[in-house]
Amino acid sequence: MAGSRFLPAGILGLVIVVALALMGVAYALWTDTLEVSGTVNTGEVEAVVILGEVDEGRYVNNGVNDDLEAESRDVALCRATLGAGPLRGNPGDNGPDRLHMEIINAYPGYRCYVELGVANAGSIPIKVQPPATANVQHPGEDVSVSLVDCWTEDLLLRPGQRSTGEDAYPTCRVYIAVGSSATESTAYSFEGRFTAYQWNKTY
């Protein structure tokens, strides 16, 4: 029909496609990116040795170093000092993690008692194995080394907690006795150790 106002189907389709394209430009997709990130800071296992009193002759639990050798035989000396031990691969190990004992001019019948404990100086709870002596040279009647009143099971310590004092844990003592068969001018040596590890693992 002449004068018709309708567009041919092909042209109408082209117009619709162009219109949709223009709408896509007019309504562009806006986006925002969200991220998740974090940091994990690990804690530290750090056990340190505590030195208590050093008593000679007999043990008196009074917080003071007592020299109770017989008056006529007060010639020996028992010393105990704290120091750094082997790092064992832990660069954050600051110690002290070694207790060194030295007896000078000992004689048969001499006795020395050295109190020791352990503290958790790290940031996570730890368990501490009972201490044990090892590598005792000339044991038995020559020189005996034993541990007295120490914990007998793995000891749980929170950060900042100590195995002695107000926490009412047992006070561990190293007892050294020079026997009647000890040899003059002889050096006797011994070692002891205890291991601390994170509380939720089995060592």
N, C-alpha and C. Protein backbone atom coordinates (compact mmCIF):
# COMPACT_ATOMS: atom_id res chain seq x y z
N MET A 1 0.86 -1.17 0.00
CA MET A 1 0.00 0.00 0.00
C MET A 1 0.90 1.22 0.00
N ALA A 2 0.63 2.10 -0.90
CA ALA A 2 1.42 3.31 -1.02
C ALA A 2 1.19 4.17 0.20
N GLY A 3 2.27 4.82 0.69
CA GLY A 3 2.16 5.72 1.82
C GLY A 3 2.10 5.01 3.15
N SER A 4 2.46 3.72 3.20
CA SER A 4 2.42 2.98 4.48
C SER A 4 3.50 3.50 5.42
N ARG A 5 3.21 3.56 6.71
CA ARG A 5 4.16 4.06 7.70
C ARG A 5 4.94 2.92 8.37
N PHE A 6 4.74 1.73 8.02
CA PHE A 6 5.46 0.60 8.62
C PHE A 6 6.77 0.38 7.88
N LEU A 7 7.84 0.03 8.66
CA LEU A 7 9.15 -0.26 8.08
C LEU A 7 9.21 -1.73 7.68
N PRO A 8 9.97 -1.99 6.67
CA PRO A 8 10.14 -3.39 6.29
C PRO A 8 10.75 -4.19 7.46
N ALA A 9 10.47 -5.47 7.48
CA ALA A 9 10.90 -6.31 8.59
C ALA A 9 12.42 -6.29 8.76
N GLY A 10 13.19 -6.28 7.68
CA GLY A 10 14.65 -6.29 7.77
C GLY A 10 15.17 -5.02 8.44
N ILE A 11 14.60 -3.89 8.03
CA ILE A 11 15.05 -2.62 8.60
C ILE A 11 14.65 -2.54 10.06
N LEU A 12 13.44 -3.04 10.38
CA LEU A 12 12.98 -3.01 11.77
C LEU A 12 13.90 -3.83 12.67
N GLY A 13 14.34 -4.99 12.20
CA GLY A 13 15.26 -5.81 12.99
C GLY A 13 16.57 -5.10 13.23
N LEU A 14 17.08 -4.40 12.16
CA LEU A 14 18.33 -3.67 12.30
C LEU A 14 18.20 -2.55 13.32
N VAL A 15 17.07 -1.89 13.32
CA VAL A 15 16.84 -0.80 14.28
C VAL A 15 16.83 -1.35 15.71
N ILE A 16 16.21 -2.51 15.92
CA ILE A 16 16.15 -3.10 17.26
C ILE A 16 17.55 -3.47 17.75
N VAL A 17 18.39 -4.04 16.84
CA VAL A 17 19.75 -4.42 17.22
C VAL A 17 20.55 -3.20 17.62
N VAL A 18 20.42 -2.10 16.82
CA VAL A 18 21.16 -0.87 17.13
C VAL A 18 20.69 -0.28 18.45
N ALA A 19 19.36 -0.34 18.68
CA ALA A 19 18.81 0.19 19.92
C ALA A 19 19.33 -0.59 21.14
N LEU A 20 19.39 -1.89 21.03
CA LEU A 20 19.91 -2.71 22.13
C LEU A 20 21.40 -2.43 22.38
N ALA A 21 22.15 -2.22 21.29
CA ALA A 21 23.57 -1.91 21.44
C ALA A 21 23.76 -0.59 22.16
N LEU A 22 22.91 0.39 21.79
CA LEU A 22 23.00 1.69 22.45
C LEU A 22 22.65 1.58 23.93
N MET A 23 21.67 0.74 24.26
CA MET A 23 21.31 0.54 25.65
C MET A 23 22.47 -0.09 26.43
N GLY A 24 23.22 -0.98 25.80
CA GLY A 24 24.36 -1.58 26.44
C GLY A 24 25.43 -0.56 26.78
N VAL A 25 25.61 0.41 25.91
CA VAL A 25 26.58 1.48 26.17
C VAL A 25 26.06 2.39 27.27
N ALA A 26 24.80 2.65 27.26
CA ALA A 26 24.21 3.57 28.23
C ALA A 26 24.19 2.98 29.63
N TYR A 27 24.01 1.64 29.71
CA TYR A 27 23.95 0.98 31.00
C TYR A 27 25.16 0.05 31.14
N ALA A 28 26.37 0.62 31.25
CA ALA A 28 27.59 -0.17 31.38
C ALA A 28 27.61 -0.87 32.74
N LEU A 29 28.30 -2.01 32.83
CA LEU A 29 28.37 -2.79 34.05
C LEU A 29 29.43 -2.22 34.97
N TRP A 30 29.01 -1.77 36.15
CA TRP A 30 29.95 -1.29 37.16
C TRP A 30 30.34 -2.45 38.08
N THR A 31 31.62 -2.55 38.45
CA THR A 31 32.09 -3.67 39.27
C THR A 31 32.95 -3.17 40.43
N ASP A 32 33.07 -4.01 41.40
CA ASP A 32 33.98 -3.77 42.51
C ASP A 32 34.58 -5.12 42.92
N THR A 33 35.87 -5.14 43.26
CA THR A 33 36.54 -6.38 43.60
C THR A 33 36.78 -6.43 45.10
N LEU A 34 36.39 -7.52 45.72
CA LEU A 34 36.58 -7.71 47.14
C LEU A 34 37.68 -8.75 47.37
N GLU A 35 38.49 -8.53 48.40
CA GLU A 35 39.60 -9.45 48.67
C GLU A 35 39.56 -9.90 50.12
N VAL A 36 40.15 -11.06 50.35
CA VAL A 36 40.36 -11.57 51.70
C VAL A 36 41.85 -11.80 51.88
N SER A 37 42.42 -11.23 52.95
CA SER A 37 43.84 -11.44 53.22
C SER A 37 44.03 -11.53 54.73
N GLY A 38 45.17 -11.99 55.15
CA GLY A 38 45.43 -12.11 56.58
C GLY A 38 46.88 -12.42 56.85
N THR A 39 47.25 -12.39 58.11
CA THR A 39 48.61 -12.68 58.55
C THR A 39 48.54 -13.62 59.74
N VAL A 40 49.34 -14.65 59.72
CA VAL A 40 49.43 -15.58 60.84
C VAL A 40 50.78 -15.38 61.51
N ASN A 41 50.76 -14.93 62.76
CA ASN A 41 51.99 -14.77 63.52
C ASN A 41 52.11 -15.93 64.52
N THR A 42 53.15 -16.69 64.40
CA THR A 42 53.31 -17.85 65.27
C THR A 42 53.87 -17.45 66.63
N GLY A 43 53.56 -18.26 67.63
CA GLY A 43 54.05 -18.01 68.98
C GLY A 43 55.43 -18.60 69.18
N GLU A 44 55.86 -18.65 70.43
CA GLU A 44 57.22 -19.09 70.73
C GLU A 44 57.22 -20.03 71.93
N VAL A 45 57.94 -21.13 71.80
CA VAL A 45 58.20 -22.02 72.93
C VAL A 45 59.54 -21.59 73.52
N GLU A 46 59.50 -21.12 74.75
CA GLU A 46 60.73 -20.65 75.40
C GLU A 46 60.69 -21.01 76.88
N ALA A 47 61.43 -22.02 77.25
CA ALA A 47 61.54 -22.43 78.64
C ALA A 47 62.89 -21.98 79.17
N VAL A 48 62.90 -21.50 80.40
CA VAL A 48 64.16 -21.07 81.02
C VAL A 48 64.32 -21.75 82.37
N VAL A 49 65.58 -21.95 82.75
CA VAL A 49 65.90 -22.59 84.01
C VAL A 49 65.88 -21.55 85.13
N ILE A 50 65.34 -21.94 86.27
CA ILE A 50 65.33 -21.09 87.45
C ILE A 50 66.28 -21.70 88.48
N LEU A 51 67.12 -20.87 89.06
CA LEU A 51 68.04 -21.32 90.11
C LEU A 51 67.51 -20.87 91.46
N GLY A 52 67.36 -21.83 92.36
CA GLY A 52 66.93 -21.51 93.72
C GLY A 52 68.13 -21.46 94.66
N GLU A 53 67.92 -21.90 95.87
CA GLU A 53 69.00 -21.83 96.86
C GLU A 53 69.98 -22.98 96.69
N VAL A 54 71.19 -22.75 97.17
CA VAL A 54 72.26 -23.74 97.17
C VAL A 54 72.66 -23.98 98.62
N ASP A 55 72.44 -25.19 99.10
CA ASP A 55 72.74 -25.53 100.49
C ASP A 55 73.85 -26.56 100.55
N GLU A 56 74.77 -26.37 101.50
CA GLU A 56 75.87 -27.30 101.71
C GLU A 56 75.70 -27.99 103.06
N GLY A 57 76.00 -29.26 103.10
CA GLY A 57 75.89 -30.02 104.34
C GLY A 57 74.54 -30.69 104.47
N ARG A 58 73.48 -29.89 104.54
CA ARG A 58 72.11 -30.41 104.57
C ARG A 58 71.19 -29.35 103.96
N TYR A 59 69.98 -29.79 103.61
CA TYR A 59 69.03 -28.91 102.94
C TYR A 59 68.08 -28.26 103.93
N VAL A 60 67.95 -26.95 103.83
CA VAL A 60 67.00 -26.19 104.63
C VAL A 60 66.19 -25.33 103.67
N ASN A 61 64.90 -25.57 103.58
CA ASN A 61 64.04 -24.85 102.64
C ASN A 61 63.64 -23.50 103.22
N ASN A 62 64.52 -22.50 103.03
CA ASN A 62 64.25 -21.17 103.58
C ASN A 62 64.54 -20.05 102.60
N GLY A 63 64.85 -20.38 101.35
CA GLY A 63 65.12 -19.35 100.35
C GLY A 63 66.48 -18.70 100.45
N VAL A 64 67.36 -19.24 101.30
CA VAL A 64 68.68 -18.67 101.53
C VAL A 64 69.73 -19.75 101.29
N ASN A 65 70.88 -19.35 100.74
CA ASN A 65 71.99 -20.29 100.60
C ASN A 65 72.58 -20.56 101.99
N ASP A 66 72.56 -21.82 102.40
CA ASP A 66 73.05 -22.19 103.72
C ASP A 66 74.32 -23.03 103.60
N ASP A 67 75.36 -22.62 104.34
CA ASP A 67 76.59 -23.40 104.42
C ASP A 67 76.59 -24.08 105.77
N LEU A 68 76.20 -25.36 105.76
CA LEU A 68 76.03 -26.09 107.00
C LEU A 68 77.05 -27.23 107.12
N GLU A 69 78.21 -27.05 106.54
CA GLU A 69 79.29 -28.00 106.76
C GLU A 69 79.71 -27.95 108.23
N ALA A 70 80.28 -29.04 108.67
CA ALA A 70 80.82 -29.03 110.04
C ALA A 70 81.88 -27.95 110.16
N GLU A 71 81.94 -27.30 111.31
CA GLU A 71 82.83 -26.15 111.48
C GLU A 71 84.27 -26.48 111.13
N SER A 72 84.72 -27.62 111.54
CA SER A 72 86.13 -27.95 111.31
C SER A 72 86.40 -28.41 109.88
N ARG A 73 85.31 -28.59 109.08
CA ARG A 73 85.50 -29.08 107.71
C ARG A 73 84.88 -28.14 106.69
N ASP A 74 84.73 -26.88 107.02
CA ASP A 74 84.12 -25.92 106.11
C ASP A 74 85.15 -25.45 105.08
N VAL A 75 85.51 -26.38 104.19
CA VAL A 75 86.58 -26.09 103.23
C VAL A 75 86.12 -26.24 101.78
N ALA A 76 85.02 -26.92 101.55
CA ALA A 76 84.53 -27.13 100.18
C ALA A 76 83.62 -25.98 99.77
N LEU A 77 83.36 -25.91 98.49
CA LEU A 77 82.50 -24.86 97.96
C LEU A 77 81.63 -25.43 96.85
N CYS A 78 80.34 -25.19 96.94
CA CYS A 78 79.39 -25.62 95.91
C CYS A 78 78.82 -24.38 95.24
N ARG A 79 79.02 -24.27 93.95
CA ARG A 79 78.54 -23.10 93.20
C ARG A 79 77.58 -23.55 92.11
N ALA A 80 76.60 -22.70 91.82
CA ALA A 80 75.65 -22.96 90.73
C ALA A 80 75.42 -21.67 89.98
N THR A 81 75.48 -21.74 88.66
CA THR A 81 75.29 -20.57 87.82
C THR A 81 74.38 -20.92 86.65
N LEU A 82 73.72 -19.90 86.12
CA LEU A 82 72.86 -20.06 84.94
C LEU A 82 73.58 -19.53 83.72
N GLY A 83 73.31 -20.15 82.57
CA GLY A 83 73.93 -19.70 81.33
C GLY A 83 73.17 -20.20 80.12
N ALA A 84 73.72 -19.90 78.98
CA ALA A 84 73.09 -20.31 77.72
C ALA A 84 73.51 -21.73 77.38
N GLY A 85 72.56 -22.48 76.86
CA GLY A 85 72.83 -23.83 76.40
C GLY A 85 72.82 -23.88 74.89
N PRO A 86 72.84 -25.06 74.31
CA PRO A 86 72.80 -25.18 72.85
C PRO A 86 71.46 -24.69 72.31
N LEU A 87 71.51 -23.97 71.19
CA LEU A 87 70.29 -23.41 70.60
C LEU A 87 69.40 -24.49 70.01
N ARG A 88 69.99 -25.58 69.51
CA ARG A 88 69.24 -26.68 68.92
C ARG A 88 68.32 -26.20 67.79
N GLY A 89 68.82 -25.27 66.96
CA GLY A 89 68.08 -24.87 65.77
C GLY A 89 67.01 -23.84 65.98
N ASN A 90 66.85 -23.31 67.20
CA ASN A 90 65.82 -22.31 67.45
C ASN A 90 66.46 -20.94 67.59
N PRO A 91 66.34 -20.06 66.58
CA PRO A 91 67.02 -18.77 66.64
C PRO A 91 66.44 -17.85 67.71
N GLY A 92 65.24 -18.13 68.22
CA GLY A 92 64.64 -17.29 69.22
C GLY A 92 64.92 -17.73 70.64
N ASP A 93 65.80 -18.72 70.81
CA ASP A 93 66.09 -19.26 72.13
C ASP A 93 67.03 -18.31 72.86
N ASN A 94 66.54 -17.68 73.91
CA ASN A 94 67.33 -16.69 74.62
C ASN A 94 67.87 -17.17 75.96
N GLY A 95 67.32 -18.27 76.48
CA GLY A 95 67.81 -18.82 77.73
C GLY A 95 67.47 -17.93 78.92
N PRO A 96 68.05 -18.17 80.11
CA PRO A 96 69.06 -19.22 80.34
C PRO A 96 68.45 -20.62 80.31
N ASP A 97 69.14 -21.52 79.67
CA ASP A 97 68.65 -22.89 79.61
C ASP A 97 69.73 -23.90 80.01
N ARG A 98 70.66 -23.43 80.81
CA ARG A 98 71.66 -24.35 81.36
C ARG A 98 71.96 -23.97 82.81
N LEU A 99 71.93 -24.97 83.66
CA LEU A 99 72.34 -24.80 85.06
C LEU A 99 73.64 -25.56 85.24
N HIS A 100 74.69 -24.84 85.61
CA HIS A 100 76.00 -25.46 85.78
C HIS A 100 76.36 -25.48 87.26
N MET A 101 76.73 -26.64 87.75
CA MET A 101 77.12 -26.81 89.15
C MET A 101 78.58 -27.20 89.23
N GLU A 102 79.26 -26.62 90.18
CA GLU A 102 80.68 -26.93 90.37
C GLU A 102 80.97 -27.03 91.87
N ILE A 103 81.60 -28.13 92.23
CA ILE A 103 82.02 -28.32 93.62
C ILE A 103 83.54 -28.30 93.64
N ILE A 104 84.08 -27.47 94.52
CA ILE A 104 85.52 -27.30 94.63
C ILE A 104 85.99 -27.83 95.98
N ASN A 105 87.08 -28.58 95.97
CA ASN A 105 87.72 -29.07 97.18
C ASN A 105 86.81 -29.99 98.00
N ALA A 106 86.09 -30.85 97.29
CA ALA A 106 85.17 -31.77 97.97
C ALA A 106 85.94 -32.88 98.67
N TYR A 107 85.29 -33.50 99.63
CA TYR A 107 85.90 -34.57 100.42
C TYR A 107 84.82 -35.61 100.72
N PRO A 108 85.20 -36.84 101.07
CA PRO A 108 84.20 -37.86 101.39
C PRO A 108 83.26 -37.40 102.50
N GLY A 109 81.98 -37.54 102.25
CA GLY A 109 80.97 -37.10 103.20
C GLY A 109 80.38 -35.73 102.88
N TYR A 110 80.94 -35.04 101.88
CA TYR A 110 80.42 -33.71 101.54
C TYR A 110 79.09 -33.84 100.80
N ARG A 111 78.16 -32.91 101.07
CA ARG A 111 76.84 -32.90 100.45
C ARG A 111 76.52 -31.51 99.93
N CYS A 112 75.86 -31.47 98.79
CA CYS A 112 75.40 -30.19 98.22
C CYS A 112 74.02 -30.38 97.63
N TYR A 113 73.15 -29.41 97.87
CA TYR A 113 71.77 -29.42 97.35
C TYR A 113 71.57 -28.15 96.53
N VAL A 114 71.12 -28.30 95.29
CA VAL A 114 70.88 -27.14 94.43
C VAL A 114 69.43 -27.19 93.94
N GLU A 115 68.67 -26.15 94.28
CA GLU A 115 67.29 -26.07 93.83
C GLU A 115 67.24 -25.59 92.39
N LEU A 116 66.34 -26.19 91.63
CA LEU A 116 66.14 -25.72 90.26
C LEU A 116 64.66 -25.81 89.90
N GLY A 117 64.29 -25.03 88.95
CA GLY A 117 62.92 -25.06 88.43
C GLY A 117 62.94 -24.63 86.98
N VAL A 118 61.78 -24.45 86.43
CA VAL A 118 61.66 -24.02 85.04
C VAL A 118 60.52 -23.02 84.94
N ALA A 119 60.65 -22.07 84.03
CA ALA A 119 59.61 -21.08 83.80
C ALA A 119 59.28 -21.02 82.32
N ASN A 120 58.04 -20.68 82.03
CA ASN A 120 57.60 -20.52 80.64
C ASN A 120 57.77 -19.05 80.28
N ALA A 121 58.82 -18.74 79.52
CA ALA A 121 59.09 -17.38 79.08
C ALA A 121 58.61 -17.14 77.65
N GLY A 122 57.87 -18.10 77.12
CA GLY A 122 57.36 -17.97 75.76
C GLY A 122 55.95 -17.44 75.74
N SER A 123 55.28 -17.62 74.61
CA SER A 123 53.94 -17.05 74.43
C SER A 123 52.85 -18.10 74.30
N ILE A 124 53.21 -19.38 74.35
CA ILE A 124 52.21 -20.44 74.30
C ILE A 124 52.45 -21.40 75.45
N PRO A 125 51.42 -22.12 75.91
CA PRO A 125 51.62 -23.09 76.99
C PRO A 125 52.61 -24.17 76.58
N ILE A 126 53.33 -24.67 77.57
CA ILE A 126 54.31 -25.73 77.32
C ILE A 126 54.12 -26.85 78.32
N LYS A 127 54.63 -28.01 77.96
CA LYS A 127 54.79 -29.11 78.90
C LYS A 127 56.28 -29.36 79.06
N VAL A 128 56.68 -29.68 80.28
CA VAL A 128 58.10 -29.89 80.59
C VAL A 128 58.27 -31.29 81.13
N GLN A 129 59.14 -32.05 80.50
CA GLN A 129 59.40 -33.40 80.96
C GLN A 129 60.14 -33.39 82.30
N PRO A 130 59.99 -34.43 83.10
CA PRO A 130 60.77 -34.50 84.34
C PRO A 130 62.26 -34.53 84.02
N PRO A 131 63.08 -33.86 84.83
CA PRO A 131 64.53 -33.89 84.58
C PRO A 131 65.11 -35.25 84.91
N ALA A 132 66.22 -35.54 84.27
CA ALA A 132 66.89 -36.83 84.50
C ALA A 132 68.38 -36.61 84.36
N THR A 133 69.16 -37.31 85.17
CA THR A 133 70.61 -37.22 85.07
C THR A 133 71.11 -38.21 84.03
N ALA A 134 72.25 -37.89 83.47
CA ALA A 134 72.85 -38.76 82.45
C ALA A 134 74.36 -38.55 82.46
N ASN A 135 75.06 -39.50 81.87
CA ASN A 135 76.51 -39.39 81.70
C ASN A 135 77.24 -39.11 83.02
N VAL A 136 76.86 -39.82 84.06
CA VAL A 136 77.53 -39.67 85.35
C VAL A 136 78.80 -40.50 85.32
N GLN A 137 79.95 -39.85 85.48
CA GLN A 137 81.21 -40.57 85.52
C GLN A 137 81.54 -40.96 86.96
N HIS A 138 82.04 -42.15 87.16
CA HIS A 138 82.36 -42.69 88.47
C HIS A 138 81.13 -42.67 89.37
N PRO A 139 80.02 -43.29 88.94
CA PRO A 139 78.81 -43.27 89.77
C PRO A 139 78.93 -44.20 90.96
N GLY A 140 77.86 -44.25 91.74
CA GLY A 140 77.81 -45.19 92.86
C GLY A 140 78.42 -44.60 94.10
N GLU A 141 79.34 -45.33 94.71
CA GLU A 141 79.89 -44.90 95.99
C GLU A 141 80.89 -43.76 95.85
N ASP A 142 81.43 -43.54 94.66
CA ASP A 142 82.38 -42.43 94.49
C ASP A 142 81.66 -41.10 94.64
N VAL A 143 80.79 -40.80 93.72
CA VAL A 143 79.98 -39.58 93.75
C VAL A 143 78.59 -39.95 93.25
N SER A 144 77.57 -39.64 94.03
CA SER A 144 76.21 -39.92 93.60
C SER A 144 75.50 -38.62 93.28
N VAL A 145 74.71 -38.65 92.22
CA VAL A 145 73.93 -37.50 91.79
C VAL A 145 72.49 -37.96 91.64
N SER A 146 71.58 -37.31 92.33
CA SER A 146 70.17 -37.71 92.25
C SER A 146 69.29 -36.46 92.25
N LEU A 147 68.06 -36.67 91.84
CA LEU A 147 67.07 -35.59 91.80
C LEU A 147 66.02 -35.87 92.86
N VAL A 148 65.70 -34.85 93.65
CA VAL A 148 64.82 -35.01 94.80
C VAL A 148 63.61 -34.08 94.64
N ASP A 149 62.42 -34.60 94.91
CA ASP A 149 61.17 -33.82 94.90
C ASP A 149 60.91 -33.12 93.58
N CYS A 150 61.33 -33.74 92.48
CA CYS A 150 61.04 -33.17 91.16
C CYS A 150 59.68 -33.67 90.67
N TRP A 151 59.13 -32.99 89.71
CA TRP A 151 57.89 -33.46 89.12
C TRP A 151 58.15 -34.78 88.40
N THR A 152 57.18 -35.67 88.45
CA THR A 152 57.36 -37.01 87.89
C THR A 152 56.57 -37.22 86.61
N GLU A 153 55.71 -36.28 86.27
CA GLU A 153 54.98 -36.32 85.01
C GLU A 153 55.19 -35.00 84.29
N ASP A 154 54.90 -35.00 82.98
CA ASP A 154 55.08 -33.77 82.22
C ASP A 154 54.30 -32.64 82.86
N LEU A 155 54.98 -31.51 83.06
CA LEU A 155 54.44 -30.39 83.81
C LEU A 155 53.90 -29.33 82.86
N LEU A 156 52.63 -28.95 83.02
CA LEU A 156 52.00 -27.94 82.17
C LEU A 156 52.22 -26.56 82.77
N LEU A 157 52.79 -25.66 81.96
CA LEU A 157 53.03 -24.28 82.40
C LEU A 157 52.45 -23.31 81.39
N ARG A 158 51.65 -22.37 81.86
CA ARG A 158 51.12 -21.31 81.02
C ARG A 158 52.20 -20.25 80.81
N PRO A 159 52.05 -19.37 79.81
CA PRO A 159 53.03 -18.29 79.63
C PRO A 159 53.18 -17.48 80.91
N GLY A 160 54.41 -17.28 81.32
CA GLY A 160 54.71 -16.53 82.53
C GLY A 160 54.66 -17.35 83.81
N GLN A 161 54.28 -18.61 83.72
CA GLN A 161 54.16 -19.45 84.91
C GLN A 161 55.47 -20.13 85.24
N ARG A 162 55.72 -20.33 86.53
CA ARG A 162 56.94 -20.97 87.01
C ARG A 162 56.62 -22.29 87.69
N SER A 163 57.61 -23.16 87.74
CA SER A 163 57.41 -24.45 88.39
C SER A 163 57.69 -24.39 89.87
N THR A 164 58.08 -23.25 90.37
CA THR A 164 58.38 -23.10 91.79
C THR A 164 57.67 -21.88 92.34
N GLY A 165 57.61 -21.80 93.66
CA GLY A 165 57.08 -20.60 94.28
C GLY A 165 55.58 -20.64 94.44
N GLU A 166 54.93 -19.52 94.11
CA GLU A 166 53.52 -19.35 94.41
C GLU A 166 52.62 -20.32 93.67
N ASP A 167 53.11 -20.93 92.59
CA ASP A 167 52.28 -21.88 91.85
C ASP A 167 52.20 -23.24 92.55
N ALA A 168 52.94 -23.41 93.63
CA ALA A 168 52.86 -24.60 94.48
C ALA A 168 53.30 -25.87 93.77
N TYR A 169 54.08 -25.74 92.71
CA TYR A 169 54.66 -26.93 92.12
C TYR A 169 55.85 -27.38 92.97
N PRO A 170 56.23 -28.63 92.86
CA PRO A 170 57.34 -29.09 93.70
C PRO A 170 58.65 -28.38 93.35
N THR A 171 59.46 -28.18 94.35
CA THR A 171 60.78 -27.61 94.15
C THR A 171 61.75 -28.75 93.89
N CYS A 172 62.32 -28.76 92.74
CA CYS A 172 63.24 -29.83 92.37
C CYS A 172 64.64 -29.51 92.89
N ARG A 173 65.32 -30.53 93.40
CA ARG A 173 66.67 -30.34 93.92
C ARG A 173 67.62 -31.36 93.31
N VAL A 174 68.81 -30.90 92.98
CA VAL A 174 69.89 -31.79 92.60
C VAL A 174 70.69 -32.07 93.87
N TYR A 175 70.81 -33.34 94.20
CA TYR A 175 71.53 -33.74 95.42
C TYR A 175 72.82 -34.43 95.00
N ILE A 176 73.94 -33.86 95.44
CA ILE A 176 75.26 -34.40 95.10
C ILE A 176 75.93 -34.82 96.40
N ALA A 177 76.37 -36.08 96.45
CA ALA A 177 77.02 -36.61 97.65
C ALA A 177 78.34 -37.26 97.26
N VAL A 178 79.40 -36.89 97.95
CA VAL A 178 80.72 -37.46 97.71
C VAL A 178 80.88 -38.66 98.63
N GLY A 179 81.10 -39.83 98.03
CA GLY A 179 81.16 -41.06 98.79
C GLY A 179 82.52 -41.33 99.40
N SER A 180 82.56 -42.37 100.21
CA SER A 180 83.79 -42.71 100.94
C SER A 180 84.88 -43.24 100.04
N SER A 181 84.50 -43.72 98.85
CA SER A 181 85.52 -44.27 97.94
C SER A 181 85.97 -43.27 96.88
N ALA A 182 85.58 -42.02 97.01
CA ALA A 182 86.02 -41.01 96.04
C ALA A 182 87.54 -40.88 96.07
N THR A 183 88.09 -40.66 94.89
CA THR A 183 89.54 -40.58 94.75
C THR A 183 90.02 -39.14 94.86
N GLU A 184 91.16 -38.95 95.51
CA GLU A 184 91.71 -37.61 95.64
C GLU A 184 92.08 -37.03 94.27
N SER A 185 92.00 -35.70 94.19
CA SER A 185 92.43 -34.95 93.00
C SER A 185 91.83 -35.52 91.71
N THR A 186 90.55 -35.82 91.76
CA THR A 186 89.85 -36.39 90.61
C THR A 186 88.65 -35.52 90.26
N ALA A 187 88.42 -35.35 88.96
CA ALA A 187 87.26 -34.59 88.49
C ALA A 187 86.14 -35.56 88.14
N TYR A 188 85.00 -35.38 88.77
CA TYR A 188 83.81 -36.16 88.48
C TYR A 188 82.82 -35.25 87.76
N SER A 189 82.15 -35.79 86.77
CA SER A 189 81.24 -34.96 86.00
C SER A 189 79.91 -35.68 85.77
N PHE A 190 78.88 -34.88 85.50
CA PHE A 190 77.56 -35.44 85.21
C PHE A 190 76.79 -34.44 84.36
N GLU A 191 75.73 -34.93 83.74
CA GLU A 191 74.85 -34.08 82.94
C GLU A 191 73.41 -34.43 83.27
N GLY A 192 72.54 -33.48 83.04
CA GLY A 192 71.12 -33.71 83.19
C GLY A 192 70.36 -32.83 82.22
N ARG A 193 69.16 -33.21 81.91
CA ARG A 193 68.39 -32.39 80.97
C ARG A 193 66.90 -32.67 81.11
N PHE A 194 66.11 -31.71 80.68
CA PHE A 194 64.67 -31.91 80.56
C PHE A 194 64.19 -31.09 79.37
N THR A 195 63.21 -31.63 78.68
CA THR A 195 62.74 -31.05 77.42
C THR A 195 61.39 -30.38 77.62
N ALA A 196 61.25 -29.20 77.02
CA ALA A 196 59.97 -28.49 77.00
C ALA A 196 59.42 -28.52 75.58
N TYR A 197 58.11 -28.69 75.47
CA TYR A 197 57.49 -28.76 74.15
C TYR A 197 56.09 -28.17 74.22
N GLN A 198 55.50 -27.88 73.06
CA GLN A 198 54.18 -27.25 73.04
C GLN A 198 53.15 -28.17 73.66
N TRP A 199 52.20 -27.56 74.37
CA TRP A 199 51.29 -28.29 75.25
C TRP A 199 50.37 -29.28 74.55
N ASN A 200 50.06 -29.06 73.27
CA ASN A 200 49.05 -29.90 72.61
C ASN A 200 49.67 -30.99 71.74
N LYS A 201 50.92 -31.32 71.98
CA LYS A 201 51.58 -32.39 71.25
C LYS A 201 52.16 -33.40 72.24
N THR A 202 52.42 -34.58 71.74
CA THR A 202 53.07 -35.61 72.55
C THR A 202 54.51 -35.71 72.14
N TYR A 203 55.41 -35.57 73.10
CA TYR A 203 56.85 -35.59 72.77
C TYR A 203 57.34 -37.03 72.77
